[in-house]
Amino acid sequence: MQTFPKKRIEIVVEAPLLRRLTSRLDEAGATGWSVVPILAGHGRDGDWTAEGQISSASQMLMLISIVDAARLDTVLEAVFALVSHQIGFVAVSDIAVVRPERF
């Protein structure tokens, strides 16, 4: 089966930032995204868990978007100013898709 190269962007942020983040992705021309809840993690500041939280204010989410390489810099510039001073991270990886028209 033929595959096509694309870029996968993963952005982990606190839940209250989600609406602004998705607006910037849409404005930058990302054709879609998905959101996954983060239940626990470990990083520079130690362990973190959602267990026992009584609100979604400190909930962490992972937003995943797949874009064409030609659009990558535009999308990253649009979101990086928003997330650069927040808890979380941005990662980009090379992937292959089977339906390129969706991205």
C-alpha atoms as a PDB file:
ATOM      1  CA  MET A   1       0.000   0.000   0.000  1.00  0.00           C
ATOM      2  CA  GLN A   2       1.297   3.456  -0.843  1.00  0.00           C
ATOM      3  CA  THR A   3       1.989   5.864   2.018  1.00  0.00           C
ATOM      4  CA  PHE A   4       2.660   9.595   2.084  1.00  0.00           C
ATOM      5  CA  PRO A   5       4.956  11.586   4.416  1.00  0.00           C
ATOM      6  CA  LYS A   6       3.380  14.007   6.900  1.00  0.00           C
ATOM      7  CA  LYS A   7       4.255  15.617  10.234  1.00  0.00           C
ATOM      8  CA  ARG A   8       2.617  14.725  13.535  1.00  0.00           C
ATOM      9  CA  ILE A   9       2.438  17.500  16.110  1.00  0.00           C
ATOM     10  CA  GLU A  10       1.794  16.573  19.737  1.00  0.00           C
ATOM     11  CA  ILE A  11       1.080  19.377  22.186  1.00  0.00           C
ATOM     12  CA  VAL A  12       0.644  18.661  25.893  1.00  0.00           C
ATOM     13  CA  VAL A  13      -0.956  21.559  27.796  1.00  0.00           C
ATOM     14  CA  GLU A  14      -3.265  22.341  30.686  1.00  0.00           C
ATOM     15  CA  ALA A  15      -6.962  22.042  29.808  1.00  0.00           C
ATOM     16  CA  PRO A  16      -7.841  25.758  30.176  1.00  0.00           C
ATOM     17  CA  LEU A  17      -5.539  26.536  27.234  1.00  0.00           C
ATOM     18  CA  LEU A  18      -7.324  24.172  24.843  1.00  0.00           C
ATOM     19  CA  ARG A  19      -9.832  26.558  23.254  1.00  0.00           C
ATOM     20  CA  ARG A  20      -7.180  29.182  22.457  1.00  0.00           C
ATOM     21  CA  LEU A  21      -4.835  26.495  21.154  1.00  0.00           C
ATOM     22  CA  THR A  22      -7.401  24.957  18.813  1.00  0.00           C
ATOM     23  CA  SER A  23      -8.340  28.419  17.519  1.00  0.00           C
ATOM     24  CA  ARG A  24      -4.715  29.067  16.603  1.00  0.00           C
ATOM     25  CA  LEU A  25      -4.429  25.679  14.895  1.00  0.00           C
ATOM     26  CA  ASP A  26      -7.544  26.386  12.845  1.00  0.00           C
ATOM     27  CA  GLU A  27      -6.291  29.866  11.898  1.00  0.00           C
ATOM     28  CA  ALA A  28      -2.920  28.419  10.837  1.00  0.00           C
ATOM     29  CA  GLY A  29      -4.568  25.971   8.453  1.00  0.00           C
ATOM     30  CA  ALA A  30      -4.373  22.701  10.385  1.00  0.00           C
ATOM     31  CA  THR A  31      -7.110  20.576   8.834  1.00  0.00           C
ATOM     32  CA  GLY A  32      -7.885  18.680  12.015  1.00  0.00           C
ATOM     33  CA  TRP A  33      -6.844  17.718  15.502  1.00  0.00           C
ATOM     34  CA  SER A  34      -7.740  15.277  18.280  1.00  0.00           C
ATOM     35  CA  VAL A  35      -7.571  15.685  22.055  1.00  0.00           C
ATOM     36  CA  VAL A  36      -6.600  12.945  24.502  1.00  0.00           C
ATOM     37  CA  PRO A  37      -6.705  13.293  28.313  1.00  0.00           C
ATOM     38  CA  ILE A  38      -3.434  12.773  30.177  1.00  0.00           C
ATOM     39  CA  LEU A  39      -3.859  10.718  33.338  1.00  0.00           C
ATOM     40  CA  ALA A  40      -0.345  10.905  34.760  1.00  0.00           C
ATOM     41  CA  GLY A  41       3.213  11.741  33.867  1.00  0.00           C
ATOM     42  CA  HIS A  42       6.739  12.410  35.019  1.00  0.00           C
ATOM     43  CA  GLY A  43       9.024  15.240  33.989  1.00  0.00           C
ATOM     44  CA  ARG A  44      11.597  17.746  35.132  1.00  0.00           C
ATOM     45  CA  ASP A  45       9.481  18.705  38.154  1.00  0.00           C
ATOM     46  CA  GLY A  46       8.705  15.120  39.182  1.00  0.00           C
ATOM     47  CA  ASP A  47       5.560  13.007  39.118  1.00  0.00           C
ATOM     48  CA  TRP A  48       2.111  14.322  38.243  1.00  0.00           C
ATOM     49  CA  THR A  49      -1.266  12.607  38.376  1.00  0.00           C
ATOM     50  CA  ALA A  50      -4.868  13.615  37.719  1.00  0.00           C
ATOM     51  CA  GLU A  51      -5.997  11.368  40.552  1.00  0.00           C
ATOM     52  CA  GLY A  52      -7.901  13.281  43.207  1.00  0.00           C
ATOM     53  CA  GLN A  53      -8.303  16.502  41.230  1.00  0.00           C
ATOM     54  CA  ILE A  54     -11.689  18.054  41.840  1.00  0.00           C
ATOM     55  CA  SER A  55     -11.775  20.297  38.770  1.00  0.00           C
ATOM     56  CA  SER A  56     -10.476  20.306  35.232  1.00  0.00           C
ATOM     57  CA  ALA A  57      -8.448  23.493  35.797  1.00  0.00           C
ATOM     58  CA  SER A  58      -5.198  21.585  36.232  1.00  0.00           C
ATOM     59  CA  GLN A  59      -6.075  18.677  33.934  1.00  0.00           C
ATOM     60  CA  MET A  60      -3.484  17.983  31.236  1.00  0.00           C
ATOM     61  CA  LEU A  61      -4.423  17.192  27.632  1.00  0.00           C
ATOM     62  CA  MET A  62      -2.559  16.054  24.547  1.00  0.00           C
ATOM     63  CA  LEU A  63      -3.607  17.615  21.283  1.00  0.00           C
ATOM     64  CA  ILE A  64      -2.546  15.698  18.176  1.00  0.00           C
ATOM     65  CA  SER A  65      -2.569  17.186  14.689  1.00  0.00           C
ATOM     66  CA  ILE A  66      -1.182  15.823  11.425  1.00  0.00           C
ATOM     67  CA  VAL A  67      -0.081  18.365   8.837  1.00  0.00           C
ATOM     68  CA  ASP A  68       1.770  18.522   5.554  1.00  0.00           C
ATOM     69  CA  ALA A  69       5.447  19.466   5.924  1.00  0.00           C
ATOM     70  CA  ALA A  70       4.830  22.649   3.935  1.00  0.00           C
ATOM     71  CA  ARG A  71       2.400  23.840   6.619  1.00  0.00           C
ATOM     72  CA  LEU A  72       4.473  22.789   9.666  1.00  0.00           C
ATOM     73  CA  ASP A  73       6.339  26.051  10.334  1.00  0.00           C
ATOM     74  CA  THR A  74       3.164  28.128  10.043  1.00  0.00           C
ATOM     75  CA  VAL A  75       1.333  25.894  12.504  1.00  0.00           C
ATOM     76  CA  LEU A  76       4.227  25.782  14.979  1.00  0.00           C
ATOM     77  CA  GLU A  77       4.658  29.560  14.919  1.00  0.00           C
ATOM     78  CA  ALA A  78       0.951  30.014  15.586  1.00  0.00           C
ATOM     79  CA  VAL A  79       0.903  27.776  18.654  1.00  0.00           C
ATOM     80  CA  PHE A  80       4.382  28.232  20.104  1.00  0.00           C
ATOM     81  CA  ALA A  81       3.863  31.799  21.332  1.00  0.00           C
ATOM     82  CA  LEU A  82       0.824  30.542  23.242  1.00  0.00           C
ATOM     83  CA  VAL A  83       2.378  27.430  24.789  1.00  0.00           C
ATOM     84  CA  SER A  84       5.992  28.518  25.273  1.00  0.00           C
ATOM     85  CA  HIS A  85       5.406  29.837  28.804  1.00  0.00           C
ATOM     86  CA  GLN A  86       2.994  27.106  29.896  1.00  0.00           C
ATOM     87  CA  ILE A  87       3.363  23.730  31.519  1.00  0.00           C
ATOM     88  CA  GLY A  88       3.718  21.042  28.856  1.00  0.00           C
ATOM     89  CA  PHE A  89       5.595  20.507  25.617  1.00  0.00           C
ATOM     90  CA  VAL A  90       5.440  20.428  21.819  1.00  0.00           C
ATOM     91  CA  ALA A  91       6.851  17.506  19.826  1.00  0.00           C
ATOM     92  CA  VAL A  92       7.043  16.924  16.069  1.00  0.00           C
ATOM     93  CA  SER A  93       7.652  13.597  14.363  1.00  0.00           C
ATOM     94  CA  ASP A  94       7.758  12.203  10.849  1.00  0.00           C
ATOM     95  CA  ILE A  95       4.927   9.824   9.988  1.00  0.00           C
ATOM     96  CA  ALA A  96       3.355   8.182   6.951  1.00  0.00           C
ATOM     97  CA  VAL A  97      -0.356   8.239   6.165  1.00  0.00           C
ATOM     98  CA  VAL A  98      -2.443   6.279   3.669  1.00  0.00           C
ATOM     99  CA  ARG A  99      -5.025   9.010   2.918  1.00  0.00           C
ATOM    100  CA  PRO A 100      -3.022  12.203   2.239  1.00  0.00           C
ATOM    101  CA  GLU A 101      -6.020  14.252   1.125  1.00  0.00           C
ATOM    102  CA  ARG A 102      -7.166  14.439   4.753  1.00  0.00           C
ATOM    103  CA  PHE A 103      -4.092  16.413   5.802  1.00  0.00           C
END
